[in-house]
Amino acid sequence: MTTAVYELYYWPTIQGRGEFVRLAFEEAGVPYVDVARLPAGEDGEDGEDAIERLLQDNRRGPRPFAVPALLIDGQVVLSQTAAILHWLAPRLGLVPDGAEEQAWALALQLTIADALTEVHDAHHPIGGGLYYEQQKAEAARRAADFVATRLPKFLDHFEDALRENPAGGAEHLVGSRLSYVDLSLFQLLSGLDYAFPRAMARLAPTIPLSLALRDRVAARPRIAAYLASPRRIPFNQDGIFRHYRELDRDPP
């Protein structure tokens, strides 16, 4: 276990991509500072001010393009969820030691990142700077394709990864014990249950291994305590996973 001091920079009111990093810290039992959720300081700086300051700070080398970003011991800045987790996991005991398994874990995490992009684009297919109400017709078309074709493809991929993991006994995506990608699949499935409950109920019989993994992760003591705590931000209509009933329809 590392003794580094971790400062996580992510938006204070949504789970988003930062939640995948939070879950790794919570499972590992490693202290971290969720900077944007701290009370405003005496200088009046709030969480969003802290994020903006980090994104504009040239003193620590290359600036991150966007959050989530991780400041380590006040010096090293990492950004992009998959890169953060790839770096953290060996230090937190959340990935096997082998280079091949670590590369496979990163590939799975990047596939989860691809899925997140498509989830977001289901409700914001034209542009993130526009309100959902400004692109509802396009969102309806995009979501219909996502639910009918893309979502099953992603879910089948993770189900196959569980089934074909020679060391995991169909219980883990990589190796023979819990890894960060198991936590990330839990988060992806939880978000999909919120955003597309009808679609997920329809597809549930096709992904029994993935759903069993989701339930096992939720029951782990540290994760269960986190989910029941105020540290876990509820799903809401501002994050990546948003529930619009008109987008969660059965395929024709």
C-alpha atoms as a PDB file:
ATOM      1  CA  MET A   1       0.000   0.000   0.000  1.00  0.00           C
ATOM      2  CA  THR A   2       1.185   3.490  -0.791  1.00  0.00           C
ATOM      3  CA  THR A   3       1.493   6.337   1.683  1.00  0.00           C
ATOM      4  CA  ALA A   4       0.957   8.991  -0.996  1.00  0.00           C
ATOM      5  CA  VAL A   5      -1.519  11.797  -0.371  1.00  0.00           C
ATOM      6  CA  TYR A   6      -4.155  11.808  -3.107  1.00  0.00           C
ATOM      7  CA  GLU A   7      -6.275  14.788  -4.134  1.00  0.00           C
ATOM      8  CA  LEU A   8      -9.069  13.963  -6.560  1.00  0.00           C
ATOM      9  CA  TYR A   9     -10.439  16.789  -8.679  1.00  0.00           C
ATOM     10  CA  TYR A  10     -13.891  16.188 -10.083  1.00  0.00           C
ATOM     11  CA  TRP A  11     -17.233  17.968 -10.175  1.00  0.00           C
ATOM     12  CA  PRO A  12     -18.868  18.030  -6.733  1.00  0.00           C
ATOM     13  CA  THR A  13     -22.475  17.224  -7.686  1.00  0.00           C
ATOM     14  CA  ILE A  14     -22.236  14.274 -10.076  1.00  0.00           C
ATOM     15  CA  GLN A  15     -20.733  10.792 -10.057  1.00  0.00           C
ATOM     16  CA  GLY A  16     -19.510  10.949 -13.649  1.00  0.00           C
ATOM     17  CA  ARG A  17     -16.098   9.619 -14.599  1.00  0.00           C
ATOM     18  CA  GLY A  18     -14.666  10.560 -11.241  1.00  0.00           C
ATOM     19  CA  GLU A  19     -16.751   7.893  -9.537  1.00  0.00           C
ATOM     20  CA  PHE A  20     -14.597   5.123 -10.981  1.00  0.00           C
ATOM     21  CA  VAL A  21     -11.601   6.592  -9.150  1.00  0.00           C
ATOM     22  CA  ARG A  22     -13.578   7.094  -5.938  1.00  0.00           C
ATOM     23  CA  LEU A  23     -14.619   3.431  -5.956  1.00  0.00           C
ATOM     24  CA  ALA A  24     -10.997   2.308  -6.196  1.00  0.00           C
ATOM     25  CA  PHE A  25     -10.017   4.462  -3.226  1.00  0.00           C
ATOM     26  CA  GLU A  26     -13.014   3.326  -1.198  1.00  0.00           C
ATOM     27  CA  GLU A  27     -12.391  -0.379  -1.842  1.00  0.00           C
ATOM     28  CA  ALA A  28      -8.687  -0.032  -1.033  1.00  0.00           C
ATOM     29  CA  GLY A  29      -9.415   1.908   2.164  1.00  0.00           C
ATOM     30  CA  VAL A  30      -6.939   4.596   1.134  1.00  0.00           C
ATOM     31  CA  PRO A  31      -7.562   8.156   2.372  1.00  0.00           C
ATOM     32  CA  TYR A  32      -8.122  10.694  -0.359  1.00  0.00           C
ATOM     33  CA  VAL A  33      -9.349  14.263  -0.597  1.00  0.00           C
ATOM     34  CA  ASP A  34     -12.334  14.938  -2.870  1.00  0.00           C
ATOM     35  CA  VAL A  35     -11.195  18.510  -3.404  1.00  0.00           C
ATOM     36  CA  ALA A  36     -14.237  19.983  -5.103  1.00  0.00           C
ATOM     37  CA  ARG A  37     -16.504  18.811  -2.270  1.00  0.00           C
ATOM     38  CA  LEU A  38     -14.572  20.601   0.455  1.00  0.00           C
ATOM     39  CA  PRO A  39     -16.195  23.676   2.049  1.00  0.00           C
ATOM     40  CA  ALA A  40     -15.188  27.002   0.556  1.00  0.00           C
ATOM     41  CA  GLY A  41     -12.010  28.320   2.103  1.00  0.00           C
ATOM     42  CA  GLU A  42     -11.404  31.631   3.789  1.00  0.00           C
ATOM     43  CA  ASP A  43     -10.482  33.094   0.412  1.00  0.00           C
ATOM     44  CA  GLY A  44     -13.921  32.126  -0.894  1.00  0.00           C
ATOM     45  CA  GLU A  45     -12.582  29.517  -3.312  1.00  0.00           C
ATOM     46  CA  ASP A  46     -15.102  26.732  -3.844  1.00  0.00           C
ATOM     47  CA  GLY A  47     -14.810  23.373  -5.570  1.00  0.00           C
ATOM     48  CA  GLU A  48     -15.223  24.617  -9.114  1.00  0.00           C
ATOM     49  CA  ASP A  49     -12.653  27.350  -8.459  1.00  0.00           C
ATOM     50  CA  ALA A  50     -10.208  24.668  -7.302  1.00  0.00           C
ATOM     51  CA  ILE A  51     -10.756  22.691 -10.496  1.00  0.00           C
ATOM     52  CA  GLU A  52     -10.225  25.763 -12.644  1.00  0.00           C
ATOM     53  CA  ARG A  53      -7.037  26.582 -10.766  1.00  0.00           C
ATOM     54  CA  LEU A  54      -5.667  23.094 -11.383  1.00  0.00           C
ATOM     55  CA  LEU A  55      -6.538  23.218 -15.075  1.00  0.00           C
ATOM     56  CA  GLN A  56      -4.723  26.546 -15.438  1.00  0.00           C
ATOM     57  CA  ASP A  57      -1.658  25.672 -13.337  1.00  0.00           C
ATOM     58  CA  ASN A  58       1.506  25.313 -15.418  1.00  0.00           C
ATOM     59  CA  ARG A  59       3.829  24.815 -12.452  1.00  0.00           C
ATOM     60  CA  ARG A  60       3.341  21.059 -12.253  1.00  0.00           C
ATOM     61  CA  GLY A  61       4.088  20.241 -15.878  1.00  0.00           C
ATOM     62  CA  PRO A  62       1.507  19.455 -18.582  1.00  0.00           C
ATOM     63  CA  ARG A  63      -2.002  20.477 -17.628  1.00  0.00           C
ATOM     64  CA  PRO A  64      -4.859  17.967 -17.769  1.00  0.00           C
ATOM     65  CA  PHE A  65      -7.366  18.548 -20.562  1.00  0.00           C
ATOM     66  CA  ALA A  66     -10.274  17.998 -18.199  1.00  0.00           C
ATOM     67  CA  VAL A  67     -11.187  16.370 -14.905  1.00  0.00           C
ATOM     68  CA  PRO A  68     -11.051  13.822 -13.376  1.00  0.00           C
ATOM     69  CA  ALA A  69      -7.509  14.677 -12.417  1.00  0.00           C
ATOM     70  CA  LEU A  70      -5.424  13.363  -9.569  1.00  0.00           C
ATOM     71  CA  LEU A  71      -2.808  15.325  -7.683  1.00  0.00           C
ATOM     72  CA  ILE A  72      -0.305  13.057  -5.915  1.00  0.00           C
ATOM     73  CA  ASP A  73       1.694  14.402  -2.986  1.00  0.00           C
ATOM     74  CA  GLY A  74       1.044  17.897  -4.282  1.00  0.00           C
ATOM     75  CA  GLN A  75       3.319  17.343  -7.276  1.00  0.00           C
ATOM     76  CA  VAL A  76       2.321  14.796  -9.883  1.00  0.00           C
ATOM     77  CA  VAL A  77      -0.813  15.349 -11.932  1.00  0.00           C
ATOM     78  CA  LEU A  78      -2.566  12.458 -13.678  1.00  0.00           C
ATOM     79  CA  SER A  79      -5.677  12.793 -15.805  1.00  0.00           C
ATOM     80  CA  GLN A  80      -8.077  10.596 -17.776  1.00  0.00           C
ATOM     81  CA  THR A  81      -9.930   7.976 -15.748  1.00  0.00           C
ATOM     82  CA  ALA A  82      -8.363   4.925 -17.376  1.00  0.00           C
ATOM     83  CA  ALA A  83      -4.839   6.329 -17.037  1.00  0.00           C
ATOM     84  CA  ILE A  84      -5.426   7.244 -13.397  1.00  0.00           C
ATOM     85  CA  LEU A  85      -6.697   3.756 -12.581  1.00  0.00           C
ATOM     86  CA  HIS A  86      -3.942   2.050 -14.564  1.00  0.00           C
ATOM     87  CA  TRP A  87      -1.374   3.951 -12.478  1.00  0.00           C
ATOM     88  CA  LEU A  88      -3.167   3.590  -9.152  1.00  0.00           C
ATOM     89  CA  ALA A  89      -4.220  -0.049  -9.285  1.00  0.00           C
ATOM     90  CA  PRO A  90      -0.827  -1.702  -8.708  1.00  0.00           C
ATOM     91  CA  ARG A  91      -0.243   0.652  -5.778  1.00  0.00           C
ATOM     92  CA  LEU A  92      -3.667  -0.103  -4.285  1.00  0.00           C
ATOM     93  CA  GLY A  93      -3.553  -3.857  -4.814  1.00  0.00           C
ATOM     94  CA  LEU A  94      -6.369  -3.708  -7.358  1.00  0.00           C
ATOM     95  CA  VAL A  95      -4.777  -5.427 -10.348  1.00  0.00           C
ATOM     96  CA  PRO A  96      -2.598  -8.515 -10.847  1.00  0.00           C
ATOM     97  CA  ASP A  97       1.160  -8.065 -11.020  1.00  0.00           C
ATOM     98  CA  GLY A  98       1.637  -9.391 -14.559  1.00  0.00           C
ATOM     99  CA  ALA A  99       2.155  -6.926 -17.406  1.00  0.00           C
ATOM    100  CA  GLU A 100      -0.159  -8.862 -19.718  1.00  0.00           C
ATOM    101  CA  GLU A 101      -3.006  -8.869 -17.192  1.00  0.00           C
ATOM    102  CA  GLN A 102      -2.500  -5.176 -16.468  1.00  0.00           C
ATOM    103  CA  ALA A 103      -2.688  -4.418 -20.180  1.00  0.00           C
ATOM    104  CA  TRP A 104      -5.907  -6.453 -20.464  1.00  0.00           C
ATOM    105  CA  ALA A 105      -7.359  -4.603 -17.472  1.00  0.00           C
ATOM    106  CA  LEU A 106      -6.550  -1.285 -19.161  1.00  0.00           C
ATOM    107  CA  ALA A 107      -8.181  -2.482 -22.392  1.00  0.00           C
ATOM    108  CA  LEU A 108     -11.354  -3.354 -20.497  1.00  0.00           C
ATOM    109  CA  GLN A 109     -11.331   0.008 -18.725  1.00  0.00           C
ATOM    110  CA  LEU A 110     -10.967   1.806 -22.052  1.00  0.00           C
ATOM    111  CA  THR A 111     -13.920  -0.178 -23.388  1.00  0.00           C
ATOM    112  CA  ILE A 112     -15.919   0.986 -20.379  1.00  0.00           C
ATOM    113  CA  ALA A 113     -14.870   4.532 -21.293  1.00  0.00           C
ATOM    114  CA  ASP A 114     -16.191   3.940 -24.816  1.00  0.00           C
ATOM    115  CA  ALA A 115     -19.487   2.743 -23.362  1.00  0.00           C
ATOM    116  CA  LEU A 116     -19.730   5.857 -21.193  1.00  0.00           C
ATOM    117  CA  THR A 117     -19.315   8.076 -24.235  1.00  0.00           C
ATOM    118  CA  GLU A 118     -22.143   6.301 -25.993  1.00  0.00           C
ATOM    119  CA  VAL A 119     -24.364   6.513 -22.902  1.00  0.00           C
ATOM    120  CA  HIS A 120     -23.764  10.269 -22.791  1.00  0.00           C
ATOM    121  CA  ASP A 121     -24.387  10.660 -26.509  1.00  0.00           C
ATOM    122  CA  ALA A 122     -27.704   8.851 -26.204  1.00  0.00           C
ATOM    123  CA  HIS A 123     -29.113  11.937 -24.493  1.00  0.00           C
ATOM    124  CA  HIS A 124     -26.743  14.560 -25.949  1.00  0.00           C
ATOM    125  CA  PRO A 125     -26.068  13.422 -29.537  1.00  0.00           C
ATOM    126  CA  ILE A 126     -25.595  16.886 -31.041  1.00  0.00           C
ATOM    127  CA  GLY A 127     -23.524  18.713 -28.451  1.00  0.00           C
ATOM    128  CA  GLY A 128     -22.743  18.833 -24.768  1.00  0.00           C
ATOM    129  CA  GLY A 129     -23.253  22.582 -24.761  1.00  0.00           C
ATOM    130  CA  LEU A 130     -26.913  22.219 -25.695  1.00  0.00           C
ATOM    131  CA  TYR A 131     -29.749  21.292 -23.357  1.00  0.00           C
ATOM    132  CA  TYR A 132     -31.379  17.898 -23.803  1.00  0.00           C
ATOM    133  CA  GLU A 133     -34.582  19.692 -24.751  1.00  0.00           C
ATOM    134  CA  GLN A 134     -32.767  21.227 -27.723  1.00  0.00           C
ATOM    135  CA  GLN A 135     -31.924  17.816 -29.191  1.00  0.00           C
ATOM    136  CA  LYS A 136     -34.764  15.551 -28.123  1.00  0.00           C
ATOM    137  CA  ALA A 137     -35.612  14.298 -31.620  1.00  0.00           C
ATOM    138  CA  GLU A 138     -31.993  13.395 -32.337  1.00  0.00           C
ATOM    139  CA  ALA A 139     -31.637  11.843 -28.887  1.00  0.00           C
ATOM    140  CA  ALA A 140     -34.642   9.616 -29.502  1.00  0.00           C
ATOM    141  CA  ARG A 141     -33.016   8.218 -32.645  1.00  0.00           C
ATOM    142  CA  ARG A 142     -29.603   7.845 -31.028  1.00  0.00           C
ATOM    143  CA  ALA A 143     -30.980   6.184 -27.901  1.00  0.00           C
ATOM    144  CA  ALA A 144     -33.051   3.747 -29.938  1.00  0.00           C
ATOM    145  CA  ASP A 145     -29.935   2.559 -31.748  1.00  0.00           C
ATOM    146  CA  PHE A 146     -27.942   2.447 -28.527  1.00  0.00           C
ATOM    147  CA  VAL A 147     -30.515   0.304 -26.739  1.00  0.00           C
ATOM    148  CA  ALA A 148     -31.108  -2.004 -29.696  1.00  0.00           C
ATOM    149  CA  THR A 149     -27.576  -2.579 -30.974  1.00  0.00           C
ATOM    150  CA  ARG A 150     -24.756  -0.942 -29.032  1.00  0.00           C
ATOM    151  CA  LEU A 151     -25.783  -1.734 -25.455  1.00  0.00           C
ATOM    152  CA  PRO A 152     -26.137  -5.493 -26.076  1.00  0.00           C
ATOM    153  CA  LYS A 153     -22.746  -5.509 -27.816  1.00  0.00           C
ATOM    154  CA  PHE A 154     -21.000  -3.883 -24.850  1.00  0.00           C
ATOM    155  CA  LEU A 155     -22.739  -6.115 -22.328  1.00  0.00           C
ATOM    156  CA  ASP A 156     -21.935  -9.265 -24.303  1.00  0.00           C
ATOM    157  CA  HIS A 157     -18.261  -8.266 -24.388  1.00  0.00           C
ATOM    158  CA  PHE A 158     -18.001  -8.026 -20.610  1.00  0.00           C
ATOM    159  CA  GLU A 159     -20.008 -11.202 -20.119  1.00  0.00           C
ATOM    160  CA  ASP A 160     -17.609 -13.018 -22.440  1.00  0.00           C
ATOM    161  CA  ALA A 161     -14.609 -11.552 -20.599  1.00  0.00           C
ATOM    162  CA  LEU A 162     -15.914 -12.969 -17.333  1.00  0.00           C
ATOM    163  CA  ARG A 163     -16.702 -16.352 -18.861  1.00  0.00           C
ATOM    164  CA  GLU A 164     -13.336 -16.641 -20.605  1.00  0.00           C
ATOM    165  CA  ASN A 165     -11.068 -15.466 -17.767  1.00  0.00           C
ATOM    166  CA  PRO A 166      -9.067 -18.631 -17.031  1.00  0.00           C
ATOM    167  CA  ALA A 167      -8.058 -17.498 -13.552  1.00  0.00           C
ATOM    168  CA  GLY A 168     -11.254 -15.849 -12.405  1.00  0.00           C
ATOM    169  CA  GLY A 169     -13.735 -18.694 -12.322  1.00  0.00           C
ATOM    170  CA  ALA A 170     -16.245 -16.385 -14.067  1.00  0.00           C
ATOM    171  CA  GLU A 171     -16.191 -14.169 -10.977  1.00  0.00           C
ATOM    172  CA  HIS A 172     -13.578 -11.597 -12.005  1.00  0.00           C
ATOM    173  CA  LEU A 173     -12.715  -9.840 -15.241  1.00  0.00           C
ATOM    174  CA  VAL A 174      -8.941 -10.043 -14.735  1.00  0.00           C
ATOM    175  CA  GLY A 175      -6.981 -12.455 -12.570  1.00  0.00           C
ATOM    176  CA  SER A 176      -8.288 -14.466  -9.648  1.00  0.00           C
ATOM    177  CA  ARG A 177      -9.346 -11.671  -7.288  1.00  0.00           C
ATOM    178  CA  LEU A 178     -11.110  -8.334  -7.347  1.00  0.00           C
ATOM    179  CA  SER A 179      -9.566  -5.687  -9.597  1.00  0.00           C
ATOM    180  CA  TYR A 180     -10.404  -2.124 -10.463  1.00  0.00           C
ATOM    181  CA  VAL A 181     -12.209  -3.180 -13.623  1.00  0.00           C
ATOM    182  CA  ASP A 182     -14.606  -5.268 -11.527  1.00  0.00           C
ATOM    183  CA  LEU A 183     -15.405  -2.086  -9.617  1.00  0.00           C
ATOM    184  CA  SER A 184     -15.792  -0.183 -12.875  1.00  0.00           C
ATOM    185  CA  LEU A 185     -18.146  -2.761 -14.361  1.00  0.00           C
ATOM    186  CA  PHE A 186     -20.224  -2.497 -11.179  1.00  0.00           C
ATOM    187  CA  GLN A 187     -20.462   1.259 -11.716  1.00  0.00           C
ATOM    188  CA  LEU A 188     -21.316   0.936 -15.395  1.00  0.00           C
ATOM    189  CA  LEU A 189     -24.088  -1.568 -14.717  1.00  0.00           C
ATOM    190  CA  SER A 190     -25.454   0.500 -11.824  1.00  0.00           C
ATOM    191  CA  GLY A 191     -25.607   3.566 -14.032  1.00  0.00           C
ATOM    192  CA  LEU A 192     -27.279   1.664 -16.846  1.00  0.00           C
ATOM    193  CA  ASP A 193     -29.880   0.328 -14.395  1.00  0.00           C
ATOM    194  CA  TYR A 194     -30.680   3.950 -13.532  1.00  0.00           C
ATOM    195  CA  ALA A 195     -30.693   5.332 -17.058  1.00  0.00           C
ATOM    196  CA  PHE A 196     -32.225   2.438 -18.980  1.00  0.00           C
ATOM    197  CA  PRO A 197     -34.130   0.219 -16.507  1.00  0.00           C
ATOM    198  CA  ARG A 198     -36.428  -1.311 -19.144  1.00  0.00           C
ATOM    199  CA  ALA A 199     -33.577  -2.154 -21.468  1.00  0.00           C
ATOM    200  CA  MET A 200     -31.504  -3.615 -18.659  1.00  0.00           C
ATOM    201  CA  ALA A 201     -34.413  -5.728 -17.408  1.00  0.00           C
ATOM    202  CA  ARG A 202     -34.875  -7.070 -20.925  1.00  0.00           C
ATOM    203  CA  LEU A 203     -31.165  -7.864 -21.319  1.00  0.00           C
ATOM    204  CA  ALA A 204     -30.633  -9.226 -17.785  1.00  0.00           C
ATOM    205  CA  PRO A 205     -31.095 -12.911 -18.762  1.00  0.00           C
ATOM    206  CA  THR A 206     -28.169 -12.575 -21.200  1.00  0.00           C
ATOM    207  CA  ILE A 207     -25.636 -11.301 -18.624  1.00  0.00           C
ATOM    208  CA  PRO A 208     -25.978 -13.427 -15.462  1.00  0.00           C
ATOM    209  CA  LEU A 209     -22.242 -13.385 -14.717  1.00  0.00           C
ATOM    210  CA  SER A 210     -22.013  -9.607 -14.954  1.00  0.00           C
ATOM    211  CA  LEU A 211     -25.029  -9.079 -12.729  1.00  0.00           C
ATOM    212  CA  ALA A 212     -23.659 -11.525 -10.169  1.00  0.00           C
ATOM    213  CA  LEU A 213     -20.395  -9.570 -10.172  1.00  0.00           C
ATOM    214  CA  ARG A 214     -22.295  -6.321  -9.703  1.00  0.00           C
ATOM    215  CA  ASP A 215     -24.072  -7.746  -6.676  1.00  0.00           C
ATOM    216  CA  ARG A 216     -20.868  -9.122  -5.154  1.00  0.00           C
ATOM    217  CA  VAL A 217     -19.139  -5.760  -5.488  1.00  0.00           C
ATOM    218  CA  ALA A 218     -22.096  -3.945  -3.901  1.00  0.00           C
ATOM    219  CA  ALA A 219     -21.915  -6.329  -0.929  1.00  0.00           C
ATOM    220  CA  ARG A 220     -18.210  -5.862  -0.233  1.00  0.00           C
ATOM    221  CA  PRO A 221     -17.907  -4.246   3.210  1.00  0.00           C
ATOM    222  CA  ARG A 222     -16.099  -1.074   2.210  1.00  0.00           C
ATOM    223  CA  ILE A 223     -18.160  -0.576  -0.936  1.00  0.00           C
ATOM    224  CA  ALA A 224     -21.421  -1.244   0.924  1.00  0.00           C
ATOM    225  CA  ALA A 225     -20.429   1.313   3.564  1.00  0.00           C
ATOM    226  CA  TYR A 226     -19.552   3.835   0.859  1.00  0.00           C
ATOM    227  CA  LEU A 227     -22.824   3.323  -1.016  1.00  0.00           C
ATOM    228  CA  ALA A 228     -24.758   3.937   2.202  1.00  0.00           C
ATOM    229  CA  SER A 229     -22.779   7.073   3.054  1.00  0.00           C
ATOM    230  CA  PRO A 230     -23.212  10.709   1.969  1.00  0.00           C
ATOM    231  CA  ARG A 231     -19.928  10.380   0.083  1.00  0.00           C
ATOM    232  CA  ARG A 232     -21.808   8.493  -2.639  1.00  0.00           C
ATOM    233  CA  ILE A 233     -23.495  11.111  -4.810  1.00  0.00           C
ATOM    234  CA  PRO A 234     -26.886   9.857  -6.039  1.00  0.00           C
ATOM    235  CA  PHE A 235     -27.489   9.386  -9.742  1.00  0.00           C
ATOM    236  CA  ASN A 236     -29.137  12.506 -11.106  1.00  0.00           C
ATOM    237  CA  GLN A 237     -30.123  14.279 -14.299  1.00  0.00           C
ATOM    238  CA  ASP A 238     -26.843  16.193 -14.575  1.00  0.00           C
ATOM    239  CA  GLY A 239     -24.443  13.270 -14.875  1.00  0.00           C
ATOM    240  CA  ILE A 240     -23.547  10.824 -17.621  1.00  0.00           C
ATOM    241  CA  PHE A 241     -26.332   8.432 -16.632  1.00  0.00           C
ATOM    242  CA  ARG A 242     -29.672  10.204 -16.996  1.00  0.00           C
ATOM    243  CA  HIS A 243     -33.092   8.621 -17.019  1.00  0.00           C
ATOM    244  CA  TYR A 244     -35.458   9.924 -19.651  1.00  0.00           C
ATOM    245  CA  ARG A 245     -38.391   7.564 -19.930  1.00  0.00           C
ATOM    246  CA  GLU A 246     -38.900   8.385 -23.601  1.00  0.00           C
ATOM    247  CA  LEU A 247     -35.373   7.156 -24.382  1.00  0.00           C
ATOM    248  CA  ASP A 248     -35.804   3.797 -22.634  1.00  0.00           C
ATOM    249  CA  ARG A 249     -38.192   2.150 -25.062  1.00  0.00           C
ATOM    250  CA  ASP A 250     -38.370  -1.404 -26.335  1.00  0.00           C
ATOM    251  CA  PRO A 251     -36.861  -1.867 -29.820  1.00  0.00           C
ATOM    252  CA  PRO A 252     -39.434  -2.052 -32.631  1.00  0.00           C
END
